Amino acid sequence: MSDDLVSLHVWRIPRQAVGSALLRMAFARRRLAGARFGKFLGTGTGATFGPGDADLTRWAAITVSDRPVRLPVWDSIAESHVRLDLDPLVSRGSWSGVSPFAATGGKTDGMVLSLTRARLRPARALRFWRSIPPVAREVGAAPGLLARFGIGEAPIGWQGTVSVWRSTTDLTAFAYRQPEHRAVIARTPTDRWYAEELFARFAVREISGDRGVLGWTADEKERTER
């Protein structure tokens, strides 16, 4: 287990609080006292993972710290909130020039969270977005998927994904066996979409709060599979 406490905080806010959320994002860097690394993030529905996928009623933050980070300024405008405490297992690449997650290289038998983040090269962004819809359809139907949504530090060009899976086996099966996703991975080195990229996988240590904020699909899939 890593000594770092990595937490993903996600809030669902009412539509009338969207203006307040945008103001909080404008001053976000001043609100992360106690975190060694932190980013406030907009989110998308996860249907397309493209620039038109934004969900202005859901916001998120990722923090790395020695102790739990509290964000009451965001809690105060939220209808519901969930926090996932995570142990970093694998992390490759950088985020804003640093490697924020001290990966252990360990394994887990439980739920895993996959996080991708990339800064797109402007000249290649359109080609990248055109390649994403088939992958989004694949991930939505993938066995073992519990939740998924897009994340972004800005509306265009600074984006990523969060997905939660029942097991590492389910995540690996999607990442390397689904044809559309494999095709995108294969094209990445030659198409050079990203100016900066990061991939990380975490063991889910604890989920506190309303899982529905994540777009939790576990119950629906279990009914379908029966």
Protein backbone atom coordinates (compact mmCIF):
# COMPACT_ATOMS: atom_id res chain seq x y z
CA MET A 1 0.00 0.00 0.00
CA SER A 2 1.29 3.48 -0.86
CA ASP A 3 1.84 6.06 1.91
CA ASP A 4 0.04 8.59 -0.28
CA LEU A 5 -3.69 9.06 0.10
CA VAL A 6 -5.09 9.55 -3.37
CA SER A 7 -8.74 10.60 -3.42
CA LEU A 8 -11.21 11.28 -6.18
CA HIS A 9 -13.97 13.63 -5.06
CA VAL A 10 -17.07 13.98 -7.23
CA TRP A 11 -20.03 16.32 -6.66
CA ARG A 12 -23.49 16.55 -8.21
CA ILE A 13 -24.82 20.10 -8.07
CA PRO A 14 -28.22 21.62 -8.96
CA ARG A 15 -28.42 23.55 -12.22
CA GLN A 16 -28.90 26.82 -10.39
CA ALA A 17 -25.43 26.35 -8.82
CA VAL A 18 -23.56 26.00 -12.14
CA GLY A 19 -22.47 29.66 -12.03
CA SER A 20 -21.07 29.14 -8.52
CA ALA A 21 -19.20 26.04 -9.70
CA LEU A 22 -17.61 27.96 -12.58
CA LEU A 23 -16.44 30.66 -10.15
CA ARG A 24 -14.97 28.00 -7.89
CA MET A 25 -13.09 26.55 -10.86
CA ALA A 26 -11.68 30.00 -11.64
CA PHE A 27 -10.10 30.16 -8.16
CA ALA A 28 -9.53 26.43 -7.77
CA ARG A 29 -5.77 26.52 -7.16
CA ARG A 30 -6.27 28.49 -3.97
CA ARG A 31 -8.56 25.84 -2.48
CA LEU A 32 -6.22 22.86 -2.16
CA ALA A 33 -4.50 23.48 1.15
CA GLY A 34 -3.04 20.25 2.51
CA ALA A 35 -2.67 18.51 -0.86
CA ARG A 36 0.73 17.84 -2.41
CA PHE A 37 -0.96 17.51 -5.78
CA GLY A 38 -4.47 18.41 -6.79
CA LYS A 39 -6.61 19.20 -9.79
CA PHE A 40 -10.18 20.41 -10.06
CA LEU A 41 -11.97 18.92 -13.04
CA GLY A 42 -15.08 19.33 -15.10
CA THR A 43 -16.76 16.11 -16.18
CA GLY A 44 -18.61 14.63 -19.13
CA THR A 45 -21.35 12.06 -19.36
CA GLY A 46 -19.03 9.41 -20.82
CA ALA A 47 -21.28 8.86 -23.83
CA THR A 48 -18.74 10.22 -26.32
CA PHE A 49 -15.76 11.51 -24.27
CA GLY A 50 -15.66 14.44 -26.73
CA PRO A 51 -15.91 18.25 -26.30
CA GLY A 52 -19.72 18.15 -26.60
CA ASP A 53 -20.05 15.68 -23.73
CA ALA A 54 -19.80 18.15 -20.84
CA ASP A 55 -21.96 17.65 -17.74
CA LEU A 56 -22.17 21.02 -15.97
CA THR A 57 -23.97 19.52 -12.97
CA ARG A 58 -21.07 17.24 -12.01
CA TRP A 59 -17.59 18.35 -10.94
CA ALA A 60 -14.60 16.51 -9.56
CA ALA A 61 -11.20 16.84 -7.93
CA ILE A 62 -8.21 14.52 -7.60
CA THR A 63 -5.96 15.02 -4.58
CA VAL A 64 -2.74 13.46 -3.28
CA SER A 65 -1.99 14.09 0.38
CA ASP A 66 -0.82 12.70 3.71
CA ARG A 67 -4.27 12.97 5.28
CA PRO A 68 -7.86 13.34 4.05
CA VAL A 69 -8.50 16.56 2.15
CA ARG A 70 -11.77 18.34 2.91
CA LEU A 71 -13.37 20.61 0.32
CA PRO A 72 -16.28 22.30 2.11
CA VAL A 73 -16.53 25.08 -0.48
CA TRP A 74 -17.69 22.46 -2.98
CA ASP A 75 -19.67 20.43 -0.46
CA SER A 76 -21.73 23.52 0.31
CA ILE A 77 -23.25 23.71 -3.21
CA ALA A 78 -23.60 19.96 -3.82
CA GLU A 79 -26.79 17.93 -3.80
CA SER A 80 -24.73 14.77 -3.38
CA HIS A 81 -21.09 13.79 -3.16
CA VAL A 82 -18.90 10.71 -3.33
CA ARG A 83 -15.24 10.18 -2.45
CA LEU A 84 -13.11 7.28 -3.62
CA ASP A 85 -9.93 6.60 -1.65
CA LEU A 86 -7.39 4.92 -3.89
CA ASP A 87 -4.06 3.07 -3.77
CA PRO A 88 -1.96 3.71 -6.90
CA LEU A 89 -0.85 0.43 -8.48
CA VAL A 90 0.46 1.58 -11.86
CA SER A 91 1.22 5.08 -13.16
CA ARG A 92 2.89 6.03 -16.43
CA GLY A 93 3.46 9.50 -17.82
CA SER A 94 3.09 12.97 -16.33
CA TRP A 95 0.47 15.55 -15.41
CA SER A 96 1.47 19.22 -15.60
CA GLY A 97 5.07 18.11 -15.77
CA VAL A 98 5.08 15.89 -12.67
CA SER A 99 4.40 12.24 -11.84
CA PRO A 100 1.82 12.68 -9.06
CA PHE A 101 1.11 9.07 -8.10
CA ALA A 102 3.66 6.91 -6.28
CA ALA A 103 2.71 3.55 -7.79
CA THR A 104 3.43 0.42 -5.79
CA GLY A 105 3.34 -2.09 -8.65
CA GLY A 106 1.01 -4.16 -6.49
CA LYS A 107 -2.14 -6.08 -7.35
CA THR A 108 -5.66 -6.24 -5.99
CA ASP A 109 -8.49 -8.76 -6.04
CA GLY A 110 -11.09 -6.02 -5.69
CA MET A 111 -12.39 -3.06 -7.66
CA VAL A 112 -10.00 -0.99 -9.74
CA LEU A 113 -10.18 2.54 -11.07
CA SER A 114 -8.53 3.53 -14.33
CA LEU A 115 -7.61 7.17 -14.94
CA THR A 116 -6.32 8.58 -18.21
CA ARG A 117 -5.38 12.18 -18.79
CA ALA A 118 -3.96 13.88 -21.88
CA ARG A 119 -3.15 17.29 -23.26
CA LEU A 120 -3.97 17.15 -26.96
CA ARG A 121 -1.85 18.70 -29.68
CA PRO A 122 -4.18 21.32 -31.23
CA ALA A 123 -3.37 20.30 -34.80
CA ARG A 124 -4.31 16.68 -34.08
CA ALA A 125 -7.32 17.14 -31.81
CA LEU A 126 -9.99 16.79 -34.50
CA ARG A 127 -8.53 13.50 -35.74
CA PHE A 128 -8.41 12.23 -32.15
CA TRP A 129 -12.05 13.11 -31.43
CA ARG A 130 -13.17 11.37 -34.61
CA SER A 131 -11.56 8.15 -33.38
CA ILE A 132 -13.27 8.15 -29.97
CA PRO A 133 -17.02 7.36 -30.57
CA PRO A 134 -16.44 3.65 -31.42
CA VAL A 135 -14.30 3.27 -28.28
CA ALA A 136 -16.97 4.97 -26.15
CA ARG A 137 -19.55 2.47 -27.43
CA GLU A 138 -17.23 -0.44 -26.60
CA VAL A 139 -16.53 0.69 -23.06
CA GLY A 140 -20.23 1.27 -22.36
CA ALA A 141 -20.97 -2.38 -23.15
CA ALA A 142 -17.86 -3.87 -21.54
CA PRO A 143 -18.36 -6.64 -18.94
CA GLY A 144 -17.32 -5.62 -15.45
CA LEU A 145 -17.71 -1.86 -15.97
CA LEU A 146 -19.25 -0.21 -12.90
CA ALA A 147 -19.00 3.49 -13.77
CA ARG A 148 -17.39 5.78 -16.33
CA PHE A 149 -17.21 9.47 -17.17
CA GLY A 150 -14.99 12.00 -18.88
CA ILE A 151 -12.85 14.56 -17.05
CA GLY A 152 -11.22 17.80 -18.19
CA GLU A 153 -9.24 20.75 -16.88
CA ALA A 154 -10.56 22.88 -19.74
CA PRO A 155 -13.43 22.50 -22.20
CA ILE A 156 -11.15 21.62 -25.11
CA GLY A 157 -7.79 19.88 -25.33
CA TRP A 158 -7.15 18.98 -21.66
CA GLN A 159 -9.14 15.85 -21.04
CA GLY A 160 -9.24 12.31 -19.77
CA THR A 161 -11.40 9.48 -18.52
CA VAL A 162 -12.31 7.77 -15.27
CA SER A 163 -13.68 4.24 -15.22
CA VAL A 164 -14.34 1.85 -12.34
CA TRP A 165 -14.22 -1.92 -12.87
CA ARG A 166 -15.13 -4.98 -10.82
CA SER A 167 -11.62 -6.39 -11.26
CA THR A 168 -8.27 -5.97 -12.97
CA THR A 169 -9.23 -8.88 -15.22
CA ASP A 170 -12.26 -6.97 -16.53
CA LEU A 171 -10.22 -3.83 -17.15
CA THR A 172 -7.46 -5.73 -18.92
CA ALA A 173 -9.95 -7.59 -21.10
CA PHE A 174 -11.41 -4.30 -22.30
CA ALA A 175 -8.07 -2.53 -22.77
CA TYR A 176 -6.38 -5.21 -24.87
CA ARG A 177 -9.12 -7.34 -26.41
CA GLN A 178 -11.68 -4.84 -27.70
CA PRO A 179 -10.80 -4.07 -31.35
CA GLU A 180 -11.61 -0.34 -31.46
CA HIS A 181 -9.69 0.38 -28.26
CA ARG A 182 -6.73 -1.67 -29.43
CA ALA A 183 -6.74 0.25 -32.73
CA VAL A 184 -6.56 3.61 -30.92
CA ILE A 185 -3.70 2.37 -28.74
CA ALA A 186 -1.83 1.18 -31.83
CA ARG A 187 -2.26 4.53 -33.58
CA THR A 188 -1.12 6.67 -30.64
CA PRO A 189 2.67 6.54 -31.28
CA THR A 190 2.35 7.33 -35.00
CA ASP A 191 -0.48 9.89 -34.85
CA ARG A 192 1.15 11.72 -31.88
CA TRP A 193 -2.15 13.06 -30.54
CA TYR A 194 -0.78 13.98 -27.12
CA ALA A 195 1.62 16.68 -25.97
CA GLU A 196 1.46 15.09 -22.50
CA GLU A 197 -0.27 11.97 -21.25
CA LEU A 198 -0.77 9.89 -18.12
CA PHE A 199 -2.32 6.51 -17.41
CA ALA A 200 -2.85 5.25 -13.88
CA ARG A 201 -4.58 2.27 -12.30
CA PHE A 202 -5.68 2.22 -8.66
CA ALA A 203 -7.07 -0.23 -6.17
CA VAL A 204 -10.31 1.17 -4.77
CA ARG A 205 -9.74 1.25 -1.01
CA GLU A 206 -13.08 2.78 -0.01
CA ILE A 207 -16.10 4.50 -1.55
CA SER A 208 -17.87 7.00 0.72
CA GLY A 209 -21.11 8.72 -0.24
CA ASP A 210 -23.53 8.41 -3.14
CA ARG A 211 -22.22 6.11 -5.87
CA GLY A 212 -24.96 7.37 -8.16
CA VAL A 213 -22.89 10.55 -8.64
CA LEU A 214 -20.44 8.38 -10.60
CA GLY A 215 -23.15 7.08 -12.92
CA TRP A 216 -22.95 3.72 -11.17
CA THR A 217 -24.19 0.95 -13.50
CA ALA A 218 -23.49 -2.14 -11.41
CA ASP A 219 -27.07 -2.81 -10.30
CA GLU A 220 -28.47 -2.36 -13.80
CA LYS A 221 -25.88 -4.69 -15.36
CA GLU A 222 -26.43 -7.34 -12.71
CA ARG A 223 -30.18 -7.36 -13.48
CA THR A 224 -29.42 -7.67 -17.19
CA GLU A 225 -26.97 -10.54 -16.69
CA ARG A 226 -29.39 -12.62 -14.59
